[in-house]
Amino acid sequence: MAAAPGQLATLRSVFWNPDRTSGLTCTVCTTPGLGAGYRVCFACHGQRQSGRELADIVAPITYAIEGTQIMRDLYNYKTGDGGYTETSARDRLFNGLYLSLSEHLECFGGIDVIATVPSSSGRSAPHPVDQMRRMFGQGFEHSVVQYVGPAGLDRQQRRVLSPDRFAIDALTVRGSRVLLLDDAWVSGAHMQSVAAALKMSGATFVASVPIGRVVSPTYGETRSYLQEHAPEPFNPSKCPVSGIVHST
């Protein structure tokens, strides 16, 4: 699907395609600014050591640098007040996701089921991230993921790899290839917990696609990377899996 000029114009100054080709980013989650000789960031390395089956592919749509418009969008799109800020933020996030995946969904090697990561913060209303799944709903099964872990966990406690905190409808995922959507990836523990739960329920393949890979501009190696690599205009033809510009 080609982007309408107006849609792309609203994304070019906000979105930033993650770096898959320089050799300076995590090969799992694209965290920028790894030290020399490292291929996987500290968080992803720790999750790999858990022995759990995790996502087969992690493909963020954009870097989300703290303090920038994309980070404000990731907060404002779900505030629920229905105001202009919420609407425009949601439009940018969903347009970016849809424009990218509509060109590159085949790059994941086939998808049967789409699922979304639920909130673990005790939110009672449906999480707005579920609207992402509806954009790709036709032709795909939908698997409901429920958070069944303890309520009231602080942010640090929620960033622990814990697939047992999530309940999966195994009938919808057994033997299936699942596209798992979320809004943001910080440490990855939340999304990887759901990916592991999906694998435990019989999914044969899980592609985790967060809209934004959150990046701190103050962290050592990451700060140096950001100083040396200026954001480029967002290009939805750049594949979130390979980092190569192509159209399917």
C-alpha atoms as a PDB file:
ATOM      1  CA  MET A   1       0.000   0.000   0.000  1.00  0.00           C
ATOM      2  CA  ALA A   2       1.472   3.348  -1.030  1.00  0.00           C
ATOM      3  CA  ALA A   3       1.370   6.115   1.553  1.00  0.00           C
ATOM      4  CA  ALA A   4      -0.784   9.117   0.795  1.00  0.00           C
ATOM      5  CA  PRO A   5       1.391  12.278   0.703  1.00  0.00           C
ATOM      6  CA  GLY A   6      -0.379  13.735   3.723  1.00  0.00           C
ATOM      7  CA  GLN A   7       0.062  10.564   5.771  1.00  0.00           C
ATOM      8  CA  LEU A   8       3.749  10.276   5.023  1.00  0.00           C
ATOM      9  CA  ALA A   9       4.355  13.961   5.696  1.00  0.00           C
ATOM     10  CA  THR A  10       3.044  13.572   9.251  1.00  0.00           C
ATOM     11  CA  LEU A  11       5.405  10.633   9.848  1.00  0.00           C
ATOM     12  CA  ARG A  12       8.688  11.751   8.292  1.00  0.00           C
ATOM     13  CA  SER A  13       9.641  14.106  11.133  1.00  0.00           C
ATOM     14  CA  VAL A  14       8.375  11.795  13.898  1.00  0.00           C
ATOM     15  CA  PHE A  15       9.279   8.229  12.914  1.00  0.00           C
ATOM     16  CA  TRP A  16      12.842   6.941  12.441  1.00  0.00           C
ATOM     17  CA  ASN A  17      13.442   3.530  10.846  1.00  0.00           C
ATOM     18  CA  PRO A  18      15.456   1.288  13.200  1.00  0.00           C
ATOM     19  CA  ASP A  19      18.994   0.456  12.105  1.00  0.00           C
ATOM     20  CA  ARG A  20      19.362  -3.156  10.955  1.00  0.00           C
ATOM     21  CA  THR A  21      22.413  -2.822   8.726  1.00  0.00           C
ATOM     22  CA  SER A  22      25.238  -0.895  10.446  1.00  0.00           C
ATOM     23  CA  GLY A  23      26.317  -3.659  12.842  1.00  0.00           C
ATOM     24  CA  LEU A  24      26.026  -1.150  15.708  1.00  0.00           C
ATOM     25  CA  THR A  25      22.619  -2.226  16.992  1.00  0.00           C
ATOM     26  CA  CYS A  26      21.196  -5.221  18.831  1.00  0.00           C
ATOM     27  CA  THR A  27      20.374  -7.980  16.358  1.00  0.00           C
ATOM     28  CA  VAL A  28      17.232  -8.770  18.364  1.00  0.00           C
ATOM     29  CA  CYS A  29      15.581  -5.451  19.282  1.00  0.00           C
ATOM     30  CA  THR A  30      17.729  -2.908  17.346  1.00  0.00           C
ATOM     31  CA  THR A  31      18.941  -1.079  20.481  1.00  0.00           C
ATOM     32  CA  PRO A  32      21.482   1.391  19.058  1.00  0.00           C
ATOM     33  CA  GLY A  33      25.040   1.931  20.226  1.00  0.00           C
ATOM     34  CA  LEU A  34      26.334  -1.477  21.272  1.00  0.00           C
ATOM     35  CA  GLY A  35      29.945  -1.635  22.345  1.00  0.00           C
ATOM     36  CA  ALA A  36      32.552  -3.120  20.037  1.00  0.00           C
ATOM     37  CA  GLY A  37      32.174  -6.858  19.588  1.00  0.00           C
ATOM     38  CA  TYR A  38      28.622  -7.072  20.970  1.00  0.00           C
ATOM     39  CA  ARG A  39      25.698  -8.232  18.849  1.00  0.00           C
ATOM     40  CA  VAL A  40      22.945  -8.426  21.475  1.00  0.00           C
ATOM     41  CA  CYS A  41      22.035  -5.823  24.111  1.00  0.00           C
ATOM     42  CA  PHE A  42      22.194  -6.568  27.833  1.00  0.00           C
ATOM     43  CA  ALA A  43      18.413  -6.988  28.230  1.00  0.00           C
ATOM     44  CA  CYS A  44      18.007  -9.326  25.254  1.00  0.00           C
ATOM     45  CA  HIS A  45      21.044 -11.356  26.328  1.00  0.00           C
ATOM     46  CA  GLY A  46      19.522 -11.860  29.786  1.00  0.00           C
ATOM     47  CA  GLN A  47      16.193 -12.948  28.325  1.00  0.00           C
ATOM     48  CA  ARG A  48      17.954 -15.459  26.079  1.00  0.00           C
ATOM     49  CA  GLN A  49      19.603 -16.966  29.142  1.00  0.00           C
ATOM     50  CA  SER A  50      16.179 -17.720  30.659  1.00  0.00           C
ATOM     51  CA  GLY A  51      15.803 -20.864  28.573  1.00  0.00           C
ATOM     52  CA  ARG A  52      12.382 -19.740  27.370  1.00  0.00           C
ATOM     53  CA  GLU A  53      11.355 -19.844  23.730  1.00  0.00           C
ATOM     54  CA  LEU A  54      11.055 -16.185  22.779  1.00  0.00           C
ATOM     55  CA  ALA A  55       9.932 -14.272  19.704  1.00  0.00           C
ATOM     56  CA  ASP A  56      11.487 -15.508  16.481  1.00  0.00           C
ATOM     57  CA  ILE A  57      11.569 -11.940  15.118  1.00  0.00           C
ATOM     58  CA  VAL A  58      11.445  -8.582  16.868  1.00  0.00           C
ATOM     59  CA  ALA A  59      10.732  -5.809  14.374  1.00  0.00           C
ATOM     60  CA  PRO A  60      10.140  -2.305  15.771  1.00  0.00           C
ATOM     61  CA  ILE A  61       8.639   0.172  13.328  1.00  0.00           C
ATOM     62  CA  THR A  62      10.479   3.220  14.700  1.00  0.00           C
ATOM     63  CA  TYR A  63      12.973   4.330  17.300  1.00  0.00           C
ATOM     64  CA  ALA A  64      11.219   6.289  20.054  1.00  0.00           C
ATOM     65  CA  ILE A  65      13.789   8.599  21.597  1.00  0.00           C
ATOM     66  CA  GLU A  66      12.860   9.894  25.030  1.00  0.00           C
ATOM     67  CA  GLY A  67      11.808  13.536  24.935  1.00  0.00           C
ATOM     68  CA  THR A  68      10.746  13.540  21.285  1.00  0.00           C
ATOM     69  CA  GLN A  69       7.338  13.729  19.602  1.00  0.00           C
ATOM     70  CA  ILE A  70       7.104   9.981  19.091  1.00  0.00           C
ATOM     71  CA  MET A  71       7.458   9.412  22.851  1.00  0.00           C
ATOM     72  CA  ARG A  72       4.761  12.003  23.522  1.00  0.00           C
ATOM     73  CA  ASP A  73       2.569  10.199  20.991  1.00  0.00           C
ATOM     74  CA  LEU A  74       3.103   6.841  22.701  1.00  0.00           C
ATOM     75  CA  TYR A  75       1.841   8.399  25.925  1.00  0.00           C
ATOM     76  CA  ASN A  76      -0.914  10.621  24.560  1.00  0.00           C
ATOM     77  CA  TYR A  77      -2.587   8.150  22.208  1.00  0.00           C
ATOM     78  CA  LYS A  78      -4.062   6.219  25.138  1.00  0.00           C
ATOM     79  CA  THR A  79      -4.897   9.005  27.597  1.00  0.00           C
ATOM     80  CA  GLY A  80      -8.543   8.555  26.753  1.00  0.00           C
ATOM     81  CA  ASP A  81      -9.701  12.167  26.826  1.00  0.00           C
ATOM     82  CA  GLY A  82     -10.653  12.165  23.147  1.00  0.00           C
ATOM     83  CA  GLY A  83      -8.890  15.447  22.523  1.00  0.00           C
ATOM     84  CA  TYR A  84      -6.945  16.583  19.507  1.00  0.00           C
ATOM     85  CA  THR A  85      -3.621  15.462  20.961  1.00  0.00           C
ATOM     86  CA  GLU A  86      -4.851  11.934  21.537  1.00  0.00           C
ATOM     87  CA  THR A  87      -6.422  11.684  18.085  1.00  0.00           C
ATOM     88  CA  SER A  88      -3.423  13.033  16.185  1.00  0.00           C
ATOM     89  CA  ALA A  89      -1.027  10.826  18.175  1.00  0.00           C
ATOM     90  CA  ARG A  90      -3.118   7.749  17.476  1.00  0.00           C
ATOM     91  CA  ASP A  91      -3.349   8.603  13.783  1.00  0.00           C
ATOM     92  CA  ARG A  92       0.432   8.906  13.491  1.00  0.00           C
ATOM     93  CA  LEU A  93       1.149   5.684  15.377  1.00  0.00           C
ATOM     94  CA  PHE A  94      -1.428   3.585  13.577  1.00  0.00           C
ATOM     95  CA  ASN A  95      -0.582   5.042  10.162  1.00  0.00           C
ATOM     96  CA  GLY A  96       3.100   4.263  10.691  1.00  0.00           C
ATOM     97  CA  LEU A  97       2.353   0.697  11.735  1.00  0.00           C
ATOM     98  CA  TYR A  98      -0.098   0.101   8.915  1.00  0.00           C
ATOM     99  CA  LEU A  99       2.004   1.676   6.175  1.00  0.00           C
ATOM    100  CA  SER A 100       5.033  -0.370   7.188  1.00  0.00           C
ATOM    101  CA  LEU A 101       3.334  -3.717   7.678  1.00  0.00           C
ATOM    102  CA  SER A 102       1.124  -3.403   4.609  1.00  0.00           C
ATOM    103  CA  GLU A 103       4.324  -3.341   2.538  1.00  0.00           C
ATOM    104  CA  HIS A 104       6.227  -5.959   4.489  1.00  0.00           C
ATOM    105  CA  LEU A 105       3.829  -8.435   6.076  1.00  0.00           C
ATOM    106  CA  GLU A 106       5.081 -11.125   3.690  1.00  0.00           C
ATOM    107  CA  CYS A 107       8.608 -10.574   5.026  1.00  0.00           C
ATOM    108  CA  PHE A 108       7.569 -12.411   8.197  1.00  0.00           C
ATOM    109  CA  GLY A 109       7.104 -15.602   6.193  1.00  0.00           C
ATOM    110  CA  GLY A 110       3.368 -15.988   6.631  1.00  0.00           C
ATOM    111  CA  ILE A 111       1.020 -15.046   9.466  1.00  0.00           C
ATOM    112  CA  ASP A 112      -2.117 -16.922  10.601  1.00  0.00           C
ATOM    113  CA  VAL A 113      -3.014 -15.188  13.856  1.00  0.00           C
ATOM    114  CA  ILE A 114      -2.755 -11.634  15.173  1.00  0.00           C
ATOM    115  CA  ALA A 115      -2.576 -10.894  18.896  1.00  0.00           C
ATOM    116  CA  THR A 116      -1.902  -7.820  20.998  1.00  0.00           C
ATOM    117  CA  VAL A 117      -0.086  -7.404  24.284  1.00  0.00           C
ATOM    118  CA  PRO A 118      -2.502  -6.537  27.117  1.00  0.00           C
ATOM    119  CA  SER A 119      -1.851  -3.970  29.811  1.00  0.00           C
ATOM    120  CA  SER A 120      -0.311  -5.240  33.052  1.00  0.00           C
ATOM    121  CA  SER A 121      -0.963  -2.023  34.978  1.00  0.00           C
ATOM    122  CA  GLY A 122      -4.523  -2.851  36.012  1.00  0.00           C
ATOM    123  CA  ARG A 123      -6.239  -0.923  33.236  1.00  0.00           C
ATOM    124  CA  SER A 124      -9.905  -1.950  33.253  1.00  0.00           C
ATOM    125  CA  ALA A 125     -10.967  -0.588  29.843  1.00  0.00           C
ATOM    126  CA  PRO A 126      -9.830  -2.321  26.643  1.00  0.00           C
ATOM    127  CA  HIS A 127      -6.297  -1.295  25.790  1.00  0.00           C
ATOM    128  CA  PRO A 128      -6.277   0.967  22.715  1.00  0.00           C
ATOM    129  CA  VAL A 129      -3.423  -1.082  21.279  1.00  0.00           C
ATOM    130  CA  ASP A 130      -6.080  -3.645  20.360  1.00  0.00           C
ATOM    131  CA  GLN A 131      -7.267  -1.260  17.641  1.00  0.00           C
ATOM    132  CA  MET A 132      -3.993  -2.006  15.854  1.00  0.00           C
ATOM    133  CA  ARG A 133      -4.998  -5.610  15.454  1.00  0.00           C
ATOM    134  CA  ARG A 134      -8.322  -4.632  13.907  1.00  0.00           C
ATOM    135  CA  MET A 135      -6.534  -2.848  11.068  1.00  0.00           C
ATOM    136  CA  PHE A 136      -5.236  -6.233   9.908  1.00  0.00           C
ATOM    137  CA  GLY A 137      -8.215  -8.279  11.077  1.00  0.00           C
ATOM    138  CA  GLN A 138      -9.574  -9.553   7.794  1.00  0.00           C
ATOM    139  CA  GLY A 139      -8.118 -12.886   6.794  1.00  0.00           C
ATOM    140  CA  PHE A 140      -6.471 -13.551  10.163  1.00  0.00           C
ATOM    141  CA  GLU A 141      -7.538 -15.339  13.314  1.00  0.00           C
ATOM    142  CA  HIS A 142      -7.528 -13.321  16.522  1.00  0.00           C
ATOM    143  CA  SER A 143      -6.060 -14.692  19.716  1.00  0.00           C
ATOM    144  CA  VAL A 144      -7.019 -12.983  22.969  1.00  0.00           C
ATOM    145  CA  VAL A 145      -4.162 -12.584  25.447  1.00  0.00           C
ATOM    146  CA  GLN A 146      -5.173 -11.891  29.042  1.00  0.00           C
ATOM    147  CA  TYR A 147      -3.027 -10.565  31.851  1.00  0.00           C
ATOM    148  CA  VAL A 148      -3.588 -12.817  34.867  1.00  0.00           C
ATOM    149  CA  GLY A 149      -0.589 -11.793  36.948  1.00  0.00           C
ATOM    150  CA  PRO A 150      -0.688  -9.828  40.177  1.00  0.00           C
ATOM    151  CA  ALA A 151      -2.125  -6.333  40.106  1.00  0.00           C
ATOM    152  CA  GLY A 152      -0.293  -3.291  41.369  1.00  0.00           C
ATOM    153  CA  LEU A 153       3.203  -4.206  40.211  1.00  0.00           C
ATOM    154  CA  ASP A 154       5.534  -1.261  39.818  1.00  0.00           C
ATOM    155  CA  ARG A 155       7.263  -0.528  36.527  1.00  0.00           C
ATOM    156  CA  GLN A 156      10.419  -2.426  37.461  1.00  0.00           C
ATOM    157  CA  GLN A 157       8.482  -5.510  38.551  1.00  0.00           C
ATOM    158  CA  ARG A 158       6.570  -5.514  35.262  1.00  0.00           C
ATOM    159  CA  ARG A 159       9.878  -5.596  33.381  1.00  0.00           C
ATOM    160  CA  VAL A 160      10.647  -9.161  34.439  1.00  0.00           C
ATOM    161  CA  LEU A 161      10.310 -12.034  31.981  1.00  0.00           C
ATOM    162  CA  SER A 162       7.186 -13.809  33.317  1.00  0.00           C
ATOM    163  CA  PRO A 163       5.139 -15.731  30.730  1.00  0.00           C
ATOM    164  CA  ASP A 164       3.031 -17.241  33.521  1.00  0.00           C
ATOM    165  CA  ARG A 165       1.413 -13.816  33.995  1.00  0.00           C
ATOM    166  CA  PHE A 166      -0.412 -14.202  30.674  1.00  0.00           C
ATOM    167  CA  ALA A 167      -3.206 -16.567  29.631  1.00  0.00           C
ATOM    168  CA  ILE A 168      -3.514 -17.622  25.984  1.00  0.00           C
ATOM    169  CA  ASP A 169      -6.402 -19.262  24.144  1.00  0.00           C
ATOM    170  CA  ALA A 170      -4.369 -22.256  23.014  1.00  0.00           C
ATOM    171  CA  LEU A 171      -6.958 -23.371  20.452  1.00  0.00           C
ATOM    172  CA  THR A 172      -6.368 -20.241  18.377  1.00  0.00           C
ATOM    173  CA  VAL A 173      -2.570 -20.399  18.393  1.00  0.00           C
ATOM    174  CA  ARG A 174      -1.616 -24.066  18.395  1.00  0.00           C
ATOM    175  CA  GLY A 175       0.363 -24.783  15.226  1.00  0.00           C
ATOM    176  CA  SER A 176       0.032 -21.148  14.108  1.00  0.00           C
ATOM    177  CA  ARG A 177       2.322 -18.309  13.113  1.00  0.00           C
ATOM    178  CA  VAL A 178       1.487 -15.286  15.253  1.00  0.00           C
ATOM    179  CA  LEU A 179       1.995 -11.565  14.708  1.00  0.00           C
ATOM    180  CA  LEU A 180       2.174  -9.948  18.154  1.00  0.00           C
ATOM    181  CA  LEU A 181       1.571  -6.181  18.313  1.00  0.00           C
ATOM    182  CA  ASP A 182       2.333  -3.649  21.031  1.00  0.00           C
ATOM    183  CA  ASP A 183       2.897   0.078  21.292  1.00  0.00           C
ATOM    184  CA  ALA A 184       6.344   0.301  22.916  1.00  0.00           C
ATOM    185  CA  TRP A 185       9.395  -1.850  23.694  1.00  0.00           C
ATOM    186  CA  VAL A 186      11.513  -0.679  26.624  1.00  0.00           C
ATOM    187  CA  SER A 187      13.331  -3.690  28.070  1.00  0.00           C
ATOM    188  CA  GLY A 188      11.325  -6.146  25.989  1.00  0.00           C
ATOM    189  CA  ALA A 189      10.375  -8.257  29.015  1.00  0.00           C
ATOM    190  CA  HIS A 190       6.653  -7.563  28.694  1.00  0.00           C
ATOM    191  CA  MET A 191       6.425  -8.430  25.006  1.00  0.00           C
ATOM    192  CA  GLN A 192       8.817 -11.372  25.261  1.00  0.00           C
ATOM    193  CA  SER A 193       6.764 -12.739  28.165  1.00  0.00           C
ATOM    194  CA  VAL A 194       3.717 -12.853  25.902  1.00  0.00           C
ATOM    195  CA  ALA A 195       5.800 -14.342  23.069  1.00  0.00           C
ATOM    196  CA  ALA A 196       7.006 -17.078  25.430  1.00  0.00           C
ATOM    197  CA  ALA A 197       3.430 -17.718  26.602  1.00  0.00           C
ATOM    198  CA  LEU A 198       2.336 -18.042  22.972  1.00  0.00           C
ATOM    199  CA  LYS A 199       5.117 -20.545  22.310  1.00  0.00           C
ATOM    200  CA  MET A 200       4.157 -22.500  25.435  1.00  0.00           C
ATOM    201  CA  SER A 201       0.578 -22.610  24.085  1.00  0.00           C
ATOM    202  CA  GLY A 202       1.707 -24.174  20.816  1.00  0.00           C
ATOM    203  CA  ALA A 203       2.494 -21.279  18.483  1.00  0.00           C
ATOM    204  CA  THR A 204       5.167 -22.368  16.025  1.00  0.00           C
ATOM    205  CA  PHE A 205       6.368 -18.835  15.198  1.00  0.00           C
ATOM    206  CA  VAL A 206       6.002 -15.434  16.866  1.00  0.00           C
ATOM    207  CA  ALA A 207       6.897 -12.096  15.305  1.00  0.00           C
ATOM    208  CA  SER A 208       6.843  -9.300  17.876  1.00  0.00           C
ATOM    209  CA  VAL A 209       6.172  -5.869  16.356  1.00  0.00           C
ATOM    210  CA  PRO A 210       6.223  -2.891  18.717  1.00  0.00           C
ATOM    211  CA  ILE A 211       5.560   0.484  17.145  1.00  0.00           C
ATOM    212  CA  GLY A 212       8.360   2.173  19.078  1.00  0.00           C
ATOM    213  CA  ARG A 213      11.669   0.836  20.353  1.00  0.00           C
ATOM    214  CA  VAL A 214      12.225   3.265  23.270  1.00  0.00           C
ATOM    215  CA  VAL A 215      15.729   4.735  23.285  1.00  0.00           C
ATOM    216  CA  SER A 216      17.389   6.757  26.043  1.00  0.00           C
ATOM    217  CA  PRO A 217      19.528   9.614  24.677  1.00  0.00           C
ATOM    218  CA  THR A 218      21.589   9.803  27.889  1.00  0.00           C
ATOM    219  CA  TYR A 219      22.911   6.241  28.092  1.00  0.00           C
ATOM    220  CA  GLY A 220      26.642   6.004  27.239  1.00  0.00           C
ATOM    221  CA  GLU A 221      27.017   4.099  23.975  1.00  0.00           C
ATOM    222  CA  THR A 222      23.509   5.009  22.879  1.00  0.00           C
ATOM    223  CA  ARG A 223      24.246   8.703  23.338  1.00  0.00           C
ATOM    224  CA  SER A 224      27.320   8.388  21.135  1.00  0.00           C
ATOM    225  CA  TYR A 225      25.332   6.564  18.461  1.00  0.00           C
ATOM    226  CA  LEU A 226      22.651   9.241  18.397  1.00  0.00           C
ATOM    227  CA  GLN A 227      25.260  11.974  18.129  1.00  0.00           C
ATOM    228  CA  GLU A 228      26.807  10.269  15.105  1.00  0.00           C
ATOM    229  CA  HIS A 229      23.632   9.088  13.371  1.00  0.00           C
ATOM    230  CA  ALA A 230      21.098  11.797  12.663  1.00  0.00           C
ATOM    231  CA  PRO A 231      17.469  10.726  12.142  1.00  0.00           C
ATOM    232  CA  GLU A 232      16.512  10.223   8.522  1.00  0.00           C
ATOM    233  CA  PRO A 233      13.008  10.777   7.113  1.00  0.00           C
ATOM    234  CA  PHE A 234      10.830   7.740   7.750  1.00  0.00           C
ATOM    235  CA  ASN A 235      10.584   5.415   4.767  1.00  0.00           C
ATOM    236  CA  PRO A 236       7.817   2.780   4.989  1.00  0.00           C
ATOM    237  CA  SER A 237       9.521   0.863   2.173  1.00  0.00           C
ATOM    238  CA  LYS A 238      12.429   0.086   4.503  1.00  0.00           C
ATOM    239  CA  CYS A 239      11.704  -3.406   5.789  1.00  0.00           C
ATOM    240  CA  PRO A 240      11.400  -3.654   9.616  1.00  0.00           C
ATOM    241  CA  VAL A 241      12.789  -7.198   9.445  1.00  0.00           C
ATOM    242  CA  SER A 242      15.868  -6.729   7.238  1.00  0.00           C
ATOM    243  CA  GLY A 243      16.371  -2.959   7.241  1.00  0.00           C
ATOM    244  CA  ILE A 244      16.555  -3.046   3.437  1.00  0.00           C
ATOM    245  CA  VAL A 245      14.475  -0.747   1.251  1.00  0.00           C
ATOM    246  CA  HIS A 246      12.114  -2.772  -0.886  1.00  0.00           C
ATOM    247  CA  SER A 247       8.433  -3.162  -1.642  1.00  0.00           C
ATOM    248  CA  THR A 248       6.695  -6.501  -1.662  1.00  0.00           C
END
